[in-house]
Structures are given as structure tokens and as C-alpha cells.
Amino acid sequence: MATHKFANRLVVLDTETTGLNPQEGHRIIEIGCVELVNRRLTGKHFHHYLNPDRKIDEGAIAVHGITNEQVQDKQRFHDIVDEFIAFIDGAELIIHNAPFDVGFLNHELALLKKAGQPKLENYCKVFDTLAFARKKHPGQRNSLDALCKRYSIDNSHRELHGALLDSEILADVFLLMTGGQASLLDDAQASATTGATNQQQQRQVAAERPPLAVIACTDEELAAHQQRLEAIARASGACLWQQ
């Protein structure tokens, strides 16, 4: 697999929508993003629920749990587009099944009907973790839930899909799937810190532990033990514990 050189600033992105196909008039109802700089979460995020000006499909509600009532008083995409572009501009987007989200985002940008409105790819590069996972784990399930299980990421709090929650989970999956620690230096520092902590804990336990009690065996126990060793010697021809 070819090595991908990632940008220093990454934005992990997910969307939720009214349905599956923007060409059928479906719209984005939630956008969630988290920022990574040098493969570390910065704590910065972008998150908005949006009014799609149309009904949400029942099948979509079953997936993400967002109802028509929840978004009827929210902003429209055109209200937040400048803030969104400013957040992602110049970054590399990390998206699971990128054609889906990029298709919806480009549809929303096209609906703005601004002269020469650029597509999403004009603002940033896009990396599809689903395509990457399929190459890395061919013939296996590579949904976000399957990858969480494969990389031992706890997603038990994910009962329904949600754009911000899924982007946070995907950030963990992405970091592990593409190399884990940011560098070997991080690994060395982490190991040194862990080793020093363990030694300190061991010294503390040793200082607090009372002296071990020494319990001597009785004459009867010693005689029974000797008889057992002699029985082993007769059965095997030799007994190492007698040497």
C-alpha cells in the first residue's frame, strides 16, 4: 500500500442527512468536525444542526434519531457556510465513505447559486478512511463499528449515528489505522514515563507492605514430604528434588 503523506492540519468530518441521495432533493441536517494538528486533537470542533427545508425520511430518522421537530428552528446551510469554509480551508478532510459526504456538501454549495461557487475539493484535500480500510483489511467488514471492534475502540455510547460523535470516534480509528502514535519519539517518551511510574508504585507498595510471615513445616509434614519424594524416585528412577 502506497504511503500517504498527510497534511499537518486534519479535520475529521461527518454529516447526517434527510436521506441517501442529494440528487433526489435530500439535504444535510447535521455537520460535525474535529481538528487534529500534527496527529493530536486540539479540542477545536465545528458542529451545527441545520434546517433542510424538507421532511426527513423515516429510514434516516431510524439511523440518526434526528427528527423534523428538532431541526425546524435551526439555521440553514447558507447561514453557516462561511464559518464552515473557514474551519476546513487548507486542511485535509478525513471522512469515512467520503463520496457520500462530499457529494452532499458539494450539492449544498451548488444550491447557494453563487457565481463560480467552488466545490469542496477547492478548499481542501479529502482522505477516505473507508477506501483505505478496504485496502488495509481486504475481504473484511470495514464499517465504523467494525473498525472500532478491530482496533479496540470503545463505542458503546454510540446507540445512534451523530455527526460530531462519529467524527470523534473516526479520529480515534484514523490515528490507530494509520500508525497510532504521532512518532517513535512519542512511543519512547510514553514507555519511559510508564516505566518510571511503575517503579515508583512498586517502591511504594514494598515500603507499605508488612514483613512476610515465615511458617515452618511440622515434623509430620516434613516426613510426609520425604516419603513423597522417595515414591517419585522409585517410580521414575530419579527425583531431582532429592539431588
C-alpha atoms as a PDB file:
ATOM      1  CA  MET A   1       0.000   0.000   0.000  1.00  0.00           C
ATOM      2  CA  ALA A   2       1.375   3.383  -1.010  1.00  0.00           C
ATOM      3  CA  THR A   3       2.298   5.692   1.854  1.00  0.00           C
ATOM      4  CA  HIS A   4       0.053   8.735   2.122  1.00  0.00           C
ATOM      5  CA  LYS A   5       1.674  11.938   3.358  1.00  0.00           C
ATOM      6  CA  PHE A   6      -0.926  13.734   5.433  1.00  0.00           C
ATOM      7  CA  ALA A   7      -1.186  17.468   5.952  1.00  0.00           C
ATOM      8  CA  ASN A   8      -0.202  18.809   9.369  1.00  0.00           C
ATOM      9  CA  ARG A   9      -3.746  20.047   9.952  1.00  0.00           C
ATOM     10  CA  LEU A  10      -6.528  17.485   9.594  1.00  0.00           C
ATOM     11  CA  VAL A  11     -10.275  17.894  10.026  1.00  0.00           C
ATOM     12  CA  VAL A  12     -12.279  14.734  10.706  1.00  0.00           C
ATOM     13  CA  LEU A  13     -15.779  15.265   9.303  1.00  0.00           C
ATOM     14  CA  ASP A  14     -19.157  13.556   9.311  1.00  0.00           C
ATOM     15  CA  THR A  15     -22.648  14.570   8.227  1.00  0.00           C
ATOM     16  CA  GLU A  16     -26.196  13.364   8.806  1.00  0.00           C
ATOM     17  CA  THR A  17     -28.808  13.836   6.100  1.00  0.00           C
ATOM     18  CA  THR A  18     -32.527  13.604   5.326  1.00  0.00           C
ATOM     19  CA  GLY A  19     -31.933  10.629   3.026  1.00  0.00           C
ATOM     20  CA  LEU A  20     -29.420   8.915   0.804  1.00  0.00           C
ATOM     21  CA  ASN A  21     -29.267  10.881  -2.441  1.00  0.00           C
ATOM     22  CA  PRO A  22     -28.838  14.654  -2.835  1.00  0.00           C
ATOM     23  CA  GLN A  23     -29.993  14.367  -6.458  1.00  0.00           C
ATOM     24  CA  GLU A  24     -33.418  13.407  -5.078  1.00  0.00           C
ATOM     25  CA  GLY A  25     -33.543  16.622  -3.067  1.00  0.00           C
ATOM     26  CA  HIS A  26     -32.105  15.290   0.184  1.00  0.00           C
ATOM     27  CA  ARG A  27     -30.210  17.745   2.363  1.00  0.00           C
ATOM     28  CA  ILE A  28     -27.695  17.884   5.216  1.00  0.00           C
ATOM     29  CA  ILE A  29     -29.189  18.248   8.704  1.00  0.00           C
ATOM     30  CA  GLU A  30     -26.019  17.935  10.817  1.00  0.00           C
ATOM     31  CA  ILE A  31     -22.317  18.637  10.294  1.00  0.00           C
ATOM     32  CA  GLY A  32     -19.695  17.649  12.868  1.00  0.00           C
ATOM     33  CA  CYS A  33     -15.932  18.180  12.645  1.00  0.00           C
ATOM     34  CA  VAL A  34     -12.948  17.827  14.981  1.00  0.00           C
ATOM     35  CA  GLU A  35      -9.472  19.230  14.380  1.00  0.00           C
ATOM     36  CA  LEU A  36      -6.136  17.417  14.524  1.00  0.00           C
ATOM     37  CA  VAL A  37      -2.788  19.192  14.283  1.00  0.00           C
ATOM     38  CA  ASN A  38       0.312  17.001  13.958  1.00  0.00           C
ATOM     39  CA  ARG A  39      -1.938  13.975  14.686  1.00  0.00           C
ATOM     40  CA  ARG A  40      -3.140  15.389  18.004  1.00  0.00           C
ATOM     41  CA  LEU A  41      -6.667  16.510  18.870  1.00  0.00           C
ATOM     42  CA  THR A  42      -6.673  20.250  19.531  1.00  0.00           C
ATOM     43  CA  GLY A  43     -10.086  20.460  21.204  1.00  0.00           C
ATOM     44  CA  LYS A  44     -11.437  22.672  18.420  1.00  0.00           C
ATOM     45  CA  HIS A  45     -14.580  21.485  16.698  1.00  0.00           C
ATOM     46  CA  PHE A  46     -17.313  22.656  14.332  1.00  0.00           C
ATOM     47  CA  HIS A  47     -20.863  21.464  14.908  1.00  0.00           C
ATOM     48  CA  HIS A  48     -24.273  22.584  13.645  1.00  0.00           C
ATOM     49  CA  TYR A  49     -27.754  21.121  13.191  1.00  0.00           C
ATOM     50  CA  LEU A  50     -29.428  22.508  10.066  1.00  0.00           C
ATOM     51  CA  ASN A  51     -32.962  23.083   8.848  1.00  0.00           C
ATOM     52  CA  PRO A  52     -33.205  21.237   5.496  1.00  0.00           C
ATOM     53  CA  ASP A  53     -36.497  22.844   4.423  1.00  0.00           C
ATOM     54  CA  ARG A  54     -37.911  19.397   3.706  1.00  0.00           C
ATOM     55  CA  LYS A  55     -39.069  16.296   5.565  1.00  0.00           C
ATOM     56  CA  ILE A  56     -36.571  13.745   6.881  1.00  0.00           C
ATOM     57  CA  ASP A  57     -37.097  10.172   5.641  1.00  0.00           C
ATOM     58  CA  GLU A  58     -38.299   7.742   8.294  1.00  0.00           C
ATOM     59  CA  GLY A  59     -35.419   5.411   7.418  1.00  0.00           C
ATOM     60  CA  ALA A  60     -32.918   8.196   8.053  1.00  0.00           C
ATOM     61  CA  ILE A  61     -34.526   9.035  11.414  1.00  0.00           C
ATOM     62  CA  ALA A  62     -34.115   5.378  12.410  1.00  0.00           C
ATOM     63  CA  VAL A  63     -30.362   5.693  11.759  1.00  0.00           C
ATOM     64  CA  HIS A  64     -29.512   9.039  13.378  1.00  0.00           C
ATOM     65  CA  GLY A  65     -32.565   9.795  15.524  1.00  0.00           C
ATOM     66  CA  ILE A  66     -32.836  13.428  14.370  1.00  0.00           C
ATOM     67  CA  THR A  67     -36.492  14.407  13.914  1.00  0.00           C
ATOM     68  CA  ASN A  68     -38.171  17.117  11.867  1.00  0.00           C
ATOM     69  CA  GLU A  69     -39.161  18.911  15.083  1.00  0.00           C
ATOM     70  CA  GLN A  70     -35.550  19.062  16.264  1.00  0.00           C
ATOM     71  CA  VAL A  71     -34.308  20.954  13.203  1.00  0.00           C
ATOM     72  CA  GLN A  72     -37.281  23.149  12.305  1.00  0.00           C
ATOM     73  CA  ASP A  73     -35.862  26.134  14.221  1.00  0.00           C
ATOM     74  CA  LYS A  74     -32.201  25.619  13.225  1.00  0.00           C
ATOM     75  CA  GLN A  75     -30.108  27.677  10.821  1.00  0.00           C
ATOM     76  CA  ARG A  76     -29.874  26.870   7.112  1.00  0.00           C
ATOM     77  CA  PHE A  77     -26.666  25.831   5.380  1.00  0.00           C
ATOM     78  CA  HIS A  78     -26.270  29.277   3.831  1.00  0.00           C
ATOM     79  CA  ASP A  79     -26.210  30.751   7.368  1.00  0.00           C
ATOM     80  CA  ILE A  80     -23.160  28.731   8.437  1.00  0.00           C
ATOM     81  CA  VAL A  81     -21.300  28.156   5.168  1.00  0.00           C
ATOM     82  CA  ASP A  82     -18.726  30.922   5.709  1.00  0.00           C
ATOM     83  CA  GLU A  83     -17.908  29.596   9.204  1.00  0.00           C
ATOM     84  CA  PHE A  84     -17.679  26.063   7.808  1.00  0.00           C
ATOM     85  CA  ILE A  85     -15.359  27.032   4.946  1.00  0.00           C
ATOM     86  CA  ALA A  86     -13.125  28.964   7.354  1.00  0.00           C
ATOM     87  CA  PHE A  87     -12.849  25.855   9.563  1.00  0.00           C
ATOM     88  CA  ILE A  88     -11.877  23.428   6.797  1.00  0.00           C
ATOM     89  CA  ASP A  89      -9.927  25.742   4.466  1.00  0.00           C
ATOM     90  CA  GLY A  90      -6.400  24.445   3.832  1.00  0.00           C
ATOM     91  CA  ALA A  91      -6.878  21.286   5.904  1.00  0.00           C
ATOM     92  CA  GLU A  92      -7.113  17.667   4.791  1.00  0.00           C
ATOM     93  CA  LEU A  93     -10.563  16.220   5.454  1.00  0.00           C
ATOM     94  CA  ILE A  94     -10.741  12.728   6.974  1.00  0.00           C
ATOM     95  CA  ILE A  95     -14.095  11.167   6.065  1.00  0.00           C
ATOM     96  CA  HIS A  96     -15.470   7.612   6.239  1.00  0.00           C
ATOM     97  CA  ASN A  97     -17.118   6.886   2.880  1.00  0.00           C
ATOM     98  CA  ALA A  98     -16.062  10.289   1.579  1.00  0.00           C
ATOM     99  CA  PRO A  99     -18.072  10.245  -1.708  1.00  0.00           C
ATOM    100  CA  PHE A 100     -21.311  10.324   0.325  1.00  0.00           C
ATOM    101  CA  ASP A 101     -20.443  13.346   2.486  1.00  0.00           C
ATOM    102  CA  VAL A 102     -18.556  15.198  -0.246  1.00  0.00           C
ATOM    103  CA  GLY A 103     -21.476  14.678  -2.627  1.00  0.00           C
ATOM    104  CA  PHE A 104     -23.904  16.208  -0.145  1.00  0.00           C
ATOM    105  CA  LEU A 105     -21.592  19.107   0.716  1.00  0.00           C
ATOM    106  CA  ASN A 106     -20.983  19.931  -2.935  1.00  0.00           C
ATOM    107  CA  HIS A 107     -24.747  19.783  -3.523  1.00  0.00           C
ATOM    108  CA  GLU A 108     -25.288  22.274  -0.693  1.00  0.00           C
ATOM    109  CA  LEU A 109     -22.590  24.558  -2.123  1.00  0.00           C
ATOM    110  CA  ALA A 110     -24.195  24.366  -5.569  1.00  0.00           C
ATOM    111  CA  LEU A 111     -27.586  25.330  -4.124  1.00  0.00           C
ATOM    112  CA  LEU A 112     -26.130  28.635  -2.920  1.00  0.00           C
ATOM    113  CA  LYS A 113     -26.140  29.724  -6.575  1.00  0.00           C
ATOM    114  CA  LYS A 114     -23.164  31.996  -6.073  1.00  0.00           C
ATOM    115  CA  ALA A 115     -21.280  32.791  -9.254  1.00  0.00           C
ATOM    116  CA  GLY A 116     -18.322  30.452  -9.559  1.00  0.00           C
ATOM    117  CA  GLN A 117     -19.009  28.755  -6.203  1.00  0.00           C
ATOM    118  CA  PRO A 118     -16.070  26.316  -5.766  1.00  0.00           C
ATOM    119  CA  LYS A 119     -16.513  22.690  -4.840  1.00  0.00           C
ATOM    120  CA  LEU A 120     -15.311  21.346  -1.514  1.00  0.00           C
ATOM    121  CA  GLU A 121     -12.137  19.969  -3.093  1.00  0.00           C
ATOM    122  CA  ASN A 122     -11.079  23.517  -3.975  1.00  0.00           C
ATOM    123  CA  TYR A 123     -10.719  24.316  -0.281  1.00  0.00           C
ATOM    124  CA  CYS A 124      -9.058  21.134   0.992  1.00  0.00           C
ATOM    125  CA  LYS A 125      -7.839  17.638   0.220  1.00  0.00           C
ATOM    126  CA  VAL A 126     -10.002  14.638   1.101  1.00  0.00           C
ATOM    127  CA  PHE A 127      -8.898  11.268   2.547  1.00  0.00           C
ATOM    128  CA  ASP A 128     -11.431   8.410   2.550  1.00  0.00           C
ATOM    129  CA  THR A 129     -10.873   6.100   5.537  1.00  0.00           C
ATOM    130  CA  LEU A 130     -13.318   3.529   4.111  1.00  0.00           C
ATOM    131  CA  ALA A 131     -11.295   3.156   0.908  1.00  0.00           C
ATOM    132  CA  PHE A 132      -8.098   2.987   2.990  1.00  0.00           C
ATOM    133  CA  ALA A 133      -9.589   0.349   5.330  1.00  0.00           C
ATOM    134  CA  ARG A 134     -10.699  -1.804   2.382  1.00  0.00           C
ATOM    135  CA  LYS A 135      -7.124  -1.865   1.079  1.00  0.00           C
ATOM    136  CA  LYS A 136      -5.659  -2.474   4.526  1.00  0.00           C
ATOM    137  CA  HIS A 137      -8.236  -5.138   5.506  1.00  0.00           C
ATOM    138  CA  PRO A 138      -9.450  -6.708   2.234  1.00  0.00           C
ATOM    139  CA  GLY A 139     -12.425  -9.035   2.440  1.00  0.00           C
ATOM    140  CA  GLN A 140     -13.416  -7.832   5.923  1.00  0.00           C
ATOM    141  CA  ARG A 141     -16.183  -5.597   7.216  1.00  0.00           C
ATOM    142  CA  ASN A 142     -14.950  -2.017   7.363  1.00  0.00           C
ATOM    143  CA  SER A 143     -17.869  -0.045   8.743  1.00  0.00           C
ATOM    144  CA  LEU A 144     -17.032   2.403  11.524  1.00  0.00           C
ATOM    145  CA  ASP A 145     -18.445  -0.030  14.101  1.00  0.00           C
ATOM    146  CA  ALA A 146     -16.396  -2.913  12.658  1.00  0.00           C
ATOM    147  CA  LEU A 147     -13.212  -0.806  12.750  1.00  0.00           C
ATOM    148  CA  CYS A 148     -13.898   0.190  16.362  1.00  0.00           C
ATOM    149  CA  LYS A 149     -14.102  -3.501  17.257  1.00  0.00           C
ATOM    150  CA  ARG A 150     -10.949  -4.318  15.257  1.00  0.00           C
ATOM    151  CA  TYR A 151      -8.928  -1.538  16.904  1.00  0.00           C
ATOM    152  CA  SER A 152     -10.435  -1.996  20.413  1.00  0.00           C
ATOM    153  CA  ILE A 153     -12.091   1.433  20.495  1.00  0.00           C
ATOM    154  CA  ASP A 154     -14.978   1.736  22.939  1.00  0.00           C
ATOM    155  CA  ASN A 155     -18.040   2.976  21.050  1.00  0.00           C
ATOM    156  CA  SER A 156     -20.622   1.577  23.476  1.00  0.00           C
ATOM    157  CA  HIS A 157     -22.015   5.106  23.924  1.00  0.00           C
ATOM    158  CA  ARG A 158     -22.909   5.185  20.200  1.00  0.00           C
ATOM    159  CA  GLU A 159     -26.502   3.968  20.093  1.00  0.00           C
ATOM    160  CA  LEU A 160     -27.384   6.163  17.086  1.00  0.00           C
ATOM    161  CA  HIS A 161     -25.317   7.897  14.434  1.00  0.00           C
ATOM    162  CA  GLY A 162     -24.408  11.503  15.163  1.00  0.00           C
ATOM    163  CA  ALA A 163     -22.086  13.705  13.114  1.00  0.00           C
ATOM    164  CA  LEU A 164     -19.966  15.095  15.955  1.00  0.00           C
ATOM    165  CA  LEU A 165     -19.818  11.816  17.910  1.00  0.00           C
ATOM    166  CA  ASP A 166     -18.952   9.846  14.768  1.00  0.00           C
ATOM    167  CA  SER A 167     -16.209  12.317  13.811  1.00  0.00           C
ATOM    168  CA  GLU A 168     -14.683  11.941  17.298  1.00  0.00           C
ATOM    169  CA  ILE A 169     -14.790   8.138  17.014  1.00  0.00           C
ATOM    170  CA  LEU A 170     -13.400   8.264  13.468  1.00  0.00           C
ATOM    171  CA  ALA A 171     -10.488  10.395  14.703  1.00  0.00           C
ATOM    172  CA  ASP A 172      -9.505   7.561  17.080  1.00  0.00           C
ATOM    173  CA  VAL A 173      -9.902   4.947  14.323  1.00  0.00           C
ATOM    174  CA  PHE A 174      -7.882   7.038  11.861  1.00  0.00           C
ATOM    175  CA  LEU A 175      -4.965   7.524  14.269  1.00  0.00           C
ATOM    176  CA  LEU A 176      -4.727   3.805  15.049  1.00  0.00           C
ATOM    177  CA  MET A 177      -5.320   2.653  11.474  1.00  0.00           C
ATOM    178  CA  THR A 178      -2.630   4.942  10.073  1.00  0.00           C
ATOM    179  CA  GLY A 179       0.062   4.396  12.658  1.00  0.00           C
ATOM    180  CA  GLY A 180      -1.066   5.043  16.225  1.00  0.00           C
ATOM    181  CA  GLN A 181       1.407   7.349  17.972  1.00  0.00           C
ATOM    182  CA  ALA A 182       2.484  10.530  16.215  1.00  0.00           C
ATOM    183  CA  SER A 183       6.139   9.440  16.177  1.00  0.00           C
ATOM    184  CA  LEU A 184       8.622   6.958  17.599  1.00  0.00           C
ATOM    185  CA  LEU A 185       9.699   9.693  19.997  1.00  0.00           C
ATOM    186  CA  ASP A 186       6.182   9.682  21.443  1.00  0.00           C
ATOM    187  CA  ASP A 187       6.435   5.903  21.943  1.00  0.00           C
ATOM    188  CA  ALA A 188       9.815   6.222  23.712  1.00  0.00           C
ATOM    189  CA  GLN A 189       8.599   9.018  25.945  1.00  0.00           C
ATOM    190  CA  ALA A 190       5.417   7.130  26.790  1.00  0.00           C
ATOM    191  CA  SER A 191       7.382   3.962  27.637  1.00  0.00           C
ATOM    192  CA  ALA A 192       9.856   5.886  29.805  1.00  0.00           C
ATOM    193  CA  THR A 193       7.040   7.632  31.661  1.00  0.00           C
ATOM    194  CA  THR A 194       5.155   4.369  32.194  1.00  0.00           C
ATOM    195  CA  GLY A 195       8.321   2.587  33.402  1.00  0.00           C
ATOM    196  CA  ALA A 196       9.158   5.335  35.886  1.00  0.00           C
ATOM    197  CA  THR A 197       5.593   5.344  37.191  1.00  0.00           C
ATOM    198  CA  ASN A 198       5.589   1.552  37.635  1.00  0.00           C
ATOM    199  CA  GLN A 199       8.906   1.620  39.529  1.00  0.00           C
ATOM    200  CA  GLN A 200       7.616   4.344  41.831  1.00  0.00           C
ATOM    201  CA  GLN A 201       4.430   2.372  42.515  1.00  0.00           C
ATOM    202  CA  GLN A 202       6.448  -0.800  43.223  1.00  0.00           C
ATOM    203  CA  ARG A 203       8.680   1.034  45.699  1.00  0.00           C
ATOM    204  CA  GLN A 204       5.635   2.483  47.448  1.00  0.00           C
ATOM    205  CA  VAL A 205       3.973  -0.940  47.712  1.00  0.00           C
ATOM    206  CA  ALA A 206       7.209  -2.504  49.056  1.00  0.00           C
ATOM    207  CA  ALA A 207       7.536   0.225  51.706  1.00  0.00           C
ATOM    208  CA  GLU A 208       3.944  -0.160  52.877  1.00  0.00           C
ATOM    209  CA  ARG A 209       3.839  -3.976  52.858  1.00  0.00           C
ATOM    210  CA  PRO A 210       4.461  -5.646  56.279  1.00  0.00           C
ATOM    211  CA  PRO A 211       7.258  -8.255  56.577  1.00  0.00           C
ATOM    212  CA  LEU A 212       6.253 -11.605  55.114  1.00  0.00           C
ATOM    213  CA  ALA A 213       5.466 -14.239  57.727  1.00  0.00           C
ATOM    214  CA  VAL A 214       7.695 -17.371  57.701  1.00  0.00           C
ATOM    215  CA  ILE A 215       5.735 -20.515  58.560  1.00  0.00           C
ATOM    216  CA  ALA A 216       7.860 -23.626  59.206  1.00  0.00           C
ATOM    217  CA  CYS A 217       6.502 -27.076  58.422  1.00  0.00           C
ATOM    218  CA  THR A 218       5.882 -29.581  61.199  1.00  0.00           C
ATOM    219  CA  ASP A 219       7.865 -32.818  61.652  1.00  0.00           C
ATOM    220  CA  GLU A 220       4.855 -34.781  60.346  1.00  0.00           C
ATOM    221  CA  GLU A 221       4.656 -32.598  57.196  1.00  0.00           C
ATOM    222  CA  LEU A 222       8.400 -32.944  56.610  1.00  0.00           C
ATOM    223  CA  ALA A 223       8.206 -36.757  56.920  1.00  0.00           C
ATOM    224  CA  ALA A 224       5.239 -36.910  54.514  1.00  0.00           C
ATOM    225  CA  HIS A 225       7.135 -34.765  52.020  1.00  0.00           C
ATOM    226  CA  GLN A 226      10.186 -37.042  52.218  1.00  0.00           C
ATOM    227  CA  GLN A 227       8.019 -40.115  51.643  1.00  0.00           C
ATOM    228  CA  ARG A 228       6.508 -38.492  48.569  1.00  0.00           C
ATOM    229  CA  LEU A 229       9.952 -37.765  47.103  1.00  0.00           C
ATOM    230  CA  GLU A 230      11.038 -41.369  47.676  1.00  0.00           C
ATOM    231  CA  ALA A 231       7.901 -42.630  45.900  1.00  0.00           C
ATOM    232  CA  ILE A 232       8.709 -40.403  42.903  1.00  0.00           C
ATOM    233  CA  ALA A 233      12.286 -41.754  42.855  1.00  0.00           C
ATOM    234  CA  ARG A 234      11.077 -45.371  42.837  1.00  0.00           C
ATOM    235  CA  ALA A 235       8.576 -44.700  40.043  1.00  0.00           C
ATOM    236  CA  SER A 236      10.906 -42.732  37.759  1.00  0.00           C
ATOM    237  CA  GLY A 237      14.369 -43.914  38.741  1.00  0.00           C
ATOM    238  CA  ALA A 238      15.425 -40.482  39.974  1.00  0.00           C
ATOM    239  CA  CYS A 239      13.972 -37.496  41.806  1.00  0.00           C
ATOM    240  CA  LEU A 240      15.503 -34.107  41.112  1.00  0.00           C
ATOM    241  CA  TRP A 241      14.277 -32.689  44.429  1.00  0.00           C
ATOM    242  CA  GLN A 242      16.460 -35.234  46.292  1.00  0.00           C
ATOM    243  CA  GLN A 243      19.642 -34.109  44.492  1.00  0.00           C
END
